[in-house]
């Protein structure tokens, strides 16, 4: 199950009851790119707050479901304290995190409405055009390091180093399409 945004508390409870019916376990993916409720409200209007997402994850992991979280996109200014972000995820039972700095092509930006551009802000759009900039990459590596240091399993797109990120999904879904990690990254 892939979920970046889920409904309000009553819908969340119904969803958890539905997926837990009969003792089934599922793998859930949710995104938490910021813990700042004001940033989340501005950039994801109508979506659950970071606090609501953490509460959902806590309930899901307490029921035995596997939860991985996307800190995606990682944006300078959205994460003030990488250690606090990692700790909040670990405290609710998150297994692993998918990390990716923000990137938007000129074509993607040209298709954005003025309201979307205003919502993100000029500073974020500038970062998105240069995701490998020093400031952005420093935060990206700090987030990955904080997650790894606290025991979360970290992965990024086309990661060549081994990670245990997919282990819980493998235990739940015995048949799944192989990913790059299955082919190129073997445990030592």
Protein backbone atom coordinates (compact mmCIF):
# COMPACT_ATOMS: atom_id res chain seq x y z
CA UNK A 1 0.00 0.00 0.00
CA UNK A 2 1.35 3.36 -1.01
CA UNK A 3 0.03 6.34 0.88
CA UNK A 4 1.50 9.78 0.89
CA UNK A 5 -1.65 11.41 2.17
CA UNK A 6 -4.45 9.77 4.03
CA UNK A 7 -7.76 10.95 5.38
CA UNK A 8 -8.78 12.45 8.67
CA UNK A 9 -8.76 10.47 11.93
CA UNK A 10 -12.09 8.72 11.35
CA UNK A 11 -11.03 7.57 7.87
CA UNK A 12 -7.64 6.53 9.21
CA UNK A 13 -9.27 4.32 11.84
CA UNK A 14 -11.55 2.73 9.23
CA UNK A 15 -8.56 2.10 6.96
CA UNK A 16 -6.54 0.48 9.75
CA UNK A 17 -9.47 -1.76 10.67
CA UNK A 18 -9.94 -2.76 7.03
CA UNK A 19 -6.29 -3.66 6.38
CA UNK A 20 -5.98 -5.46 9.71
CA UNK A 21 -9.09 -7.60 9.21
CA UNK A 22 -8.18 -11.25 9.54
CA UNK A 23 -4.74 -10.53 10.96
CA UNK A 24 -3.22 -9.54 7.63
CA UNK A 25 -0.10 -7.39 7.66
CA UNK A 26 0.63 -4.86 4.95
CA UNK A 27 3.49 -2.59 3.99
CA UNK A 28 2.65 1.10 4.04
CA UNK A 29 4.57 4.01 2.58
CA UNK A 30 3.80 7.53 3.78
CA UNK A 31 5.59 10.82 3.24
CA UNK A 32 6.69 13.21 5.94
CA UNK A 33 8.90 15.83 4.29
CA UNK A 34 8.54 18.23 7.24
CA UNK A 35 7.49 18.18 10.87
CA UNK A 36 6.53 21.87 10.70
CA UNK A 37 2.71 22.06 10.62
CA UNK A 38 2.73 25.54 9.05
CA UNK A 39 4.90 24.44 6.12
CA UNK A 40 2.83 21.28 5.67
CA UNK A 41 -0.43 23.24 5.72
CA UNK A 42 0.88 25.75 3.17
CA UNK A 43 2.35 23.17 0.78
CA UNK A 44 -0.12 20.32 1.23
CA UNK A 45 -3.47 22.00 1.96
CA UNK A 46 -6.13 19.58 3.11
CA UNK A 47 -3.63 16.80 3.82
CA UNK A 48 -3.11 15.42 7.33
CA UNK A 49 -0.67 17.34 9.50
CA UNK A 50 2.71 15.84 10.34
CA UNK A 51 1.33 15.06 13.82
CA UNK A 52 -1.65 13.20 12.32
CA UNK A 53 0.67 11.26 10.00
CA UNK A 54 2.90 10.25 12.92
CA UNK A 55 -0.17 9.15 14.92
CA UNK A 56 -1.36 7.03 11.96
CA UNK A 57 2.07 5.42 11.62
CA UNK A 58 2.18 4.72 15.34
CA UNK A 59 -1.20 2.98 15.14
CA UNK A 60 -0.22 1.02 12.03
CA UNK A 61 3.08 -0.22 13.46
CA UNK A 62 1.39 -1.12 16.75
CA UNK A 63 -0.86 -3.41 14.68
CA UNK A 64 2.21 -5.05 13.13
CA UNK A 65 2.18 -3.32 9.77
CA UNK A 66 5.49 -2.39 8.14
CA UNK A 67 5.90 1.33 7.55
CA UNK A 68 8.50 3.10 5.47
CA UNK A 69 8.47 6.86 5.13
CA UNK A 70 9.54 9.17 2.39
CA UNK A 71 11.47 12.19 3.52
CA UNK A 72 10.85 13.27 0.02
CA UNK A 73 11.52 15.86 -1.05
CA UNK A 74 14.22 17.00 1.33
CA UNK A 75 14.10 20.78 1.25
CA UNK A 76 16.35 23.18 3.10
CA UNK A 77 14.08 25.14 5.43
CA UNK A 78 11.54 22.33 5.78
CA UNK A 79 13.80 20.32 8.10
CA UNK A 80 15.51 22.35 10.78
CA UNK A 81 16.80 19.43 12.81
CA UNK A 82 17.55 16.17 10.95
CA UNK A 83 18.10 14.32 14.25
CA UNK A 84 14.67 15.35 15.58
CA UNK A 85 13.04 14.33 12.30
CA UNK A 86 14.70 10.90 12.39
CA UNK A 87 13.86 10.44 16.08
CA UNK A 88 10.17 11.29 15.49
CA UNK A 89 10.01 8.60 12.80
CA UNK A 90 11.85 5.99 14.85
CA UNK A 91 9.63 6.68 17.88
CA UNK A 92 6.47 5.68 15.97
CA UNK A 93 7.96 2.47 14.61
CA UNK A 94 9.11 3.44 11.13
CA UNK A 95 11.45 0.82 9.64
CA UNK A 96 13.06 2.73 6.80
CA UNK A 97 13.14 5.98 4.91
CA UNK A 98 13.35 6.86 1.25
CA UNK A 99 15.29 10.08 0.76
CA UNK A 100 15.47 12.37 -2.23
CA UNK A 101 16.35 16.05 -2.57
CA UNK A 102 13.85 18.20 -4.41
CA UNK A 103 14.30 18.41 -8.15
CA UNK A 104 12.15 20.19 -10.69
CA UNK A 105 13.08 20.61 -14.33
CA UNK A 106 12.55 23.91 -16.14
CA UNK A 107 9.73 22.21 -18.03
CA UNK A 108 8.02 21.16 -14.79
CA UNK A 109 8.37 24.64 -13.36
CA UNK A 110 6.99 26.21 -16.54
CA UNK A 111 3.83 24.10 -16.13
CA UNK A 112 3.26 25.19 -12.54
CA UNK A 113 0.52 27.71 -11.86
CA UNK A 114 1.37 31.03 -10.23
CA UNK A 115 -0.35 29.79 -7.08
CA UNK A 116 1.80 26.63 -7.02
CA UNK A 117 4.95 28.72 -7.49
CA UNK A 118 3.88 31.08 -4.70
CA UNK A 119 3.08 28.15 -2.42
CA UNK A 120 6.53 26.64 -2.85
CA UNK A 121 8.29 29.98 -2.84
CA UNK A 122 11.13 31.29 -4.96
CA UNK A 123 13.79 29.88 -2.62
CA UNK A 124 12.44 26.32 -2.95
CA UNK A 125 12.09 26.62 -6.72
CA UNK A 126 15.69 27.82 -6.89
CA UNK A 127 16.81 24.81 -4.81
CA UNK A 128 14.73 22.50 -7.02
CA UNK A 129 16.63 23.63 -10.10
CA UNK A 130 19.98 22.93 -8.44
CA UNK A 131 19.39 19.90 -6.17
CA UNK A 132 23.14 19.22 -6.03
CA UNK A 133 23.93 22.65 -4.56
CA UNK A 134 26.11 22.76 -1.46
CA UNK A 135 23.38 23.89 0.95
CA UNK A 136 20.88 21.32 -0.28
CA UNK A 137 23.34 18.42 -0.36
CA UNK A 138 24.57 19.22 3.15
CA UNK A 139 21.01 18.85 4.44
CA UNK A 140 20.41 15.75 2.33
CA UNK A 141 23.47 14.01 3.80
CA UNK A 142 22.64 15.22 7.33
CA UNK A 143 19.14 13.68 7.04
CA UNK A 144 20.51 10.37 5.74
CA UNK A 145 23.17 10.29 8.47
CA UNK A 146 20.64 11.09 11.23
CA UNK A 147 18.33 8.33 10.02
CA UNK A 148 21.14 5.79 9.76
CA UNK A 149 22.56 6.75 13.16
CA UNK A 150 19.22 6.15 14.88
CA UNK A 151 18.75 2.76 13.19
CA UNK A 152 16.42 3.54 10.31
CA UNK A 153 17.17 1.76 7.04
CA UNK A 154 17.81 4.36 4.36
CA UNK A 155 17.45 4.08 0.60
CA UNK A 156 17.47 6.42 -2.37
CA UNK A 157 16.70 5.87 -6.02
CA UNK A 158 19.21 3.51 -7.66
CA UNK A 159 21.21 3.08 -4.47
CA UNK A 160 24.11 0.70 -5.00
CA UNK A 161 24.94 0.14 -1.33
CA UNK A 162 23.07 -2.59 0.54
CA UNK A 163 20.19 -1.55 2.77
CA UNK A 164 17.63 -3.52 4.74
CA UNK A 165 14.90 -1.08 3.63
CA UNK A 166 12.89 -3.77 1.78
CA UNK A 167 13.19 -6.57 4.37
CA UNK A 168 9.83 -5.99 6.03
CA UNK A 169 8.05 -5.84 2.67
CA UNK A 170 9.81 -9.07 1.68
CA UNK A 171 8.53 -10.75 4.84
CA UNK A 172 4.97 -9.62 4.16
CA UNK A 173 4.84 -10.06 0.39
CA UNK A 174 6.59 -13.28 -0.49
CA UNK A 175 6.16 -12.61 -4.20
CA UNK A 176 7.01 -9.18 -5.48
CA UNK A 177 8.74 -7.72 -8.47
CA UNK A 178 12.49 -7.47 -7.82
CA UNK A 179 14.03 -4.04 -7.39
CA UNK A 180 17.57 -2.86 -8.05
CA UNK A 181 18.54 -3.68 -4.46
CA UNK A 182 17.67 -7.33 -5.08
CA UNK A 183 20.01 -7.53 -8.05
CA UNK A 184 23.03 -5.40 -7.23
CA UNK A 185 23.30 -4.99 -3.48
CA UNK A 186 24.06 -8.12 -1.54
CA UNK A 187 24.60 -8.28 2.21
CA UNK A 188 28.16 -8.85 3.28
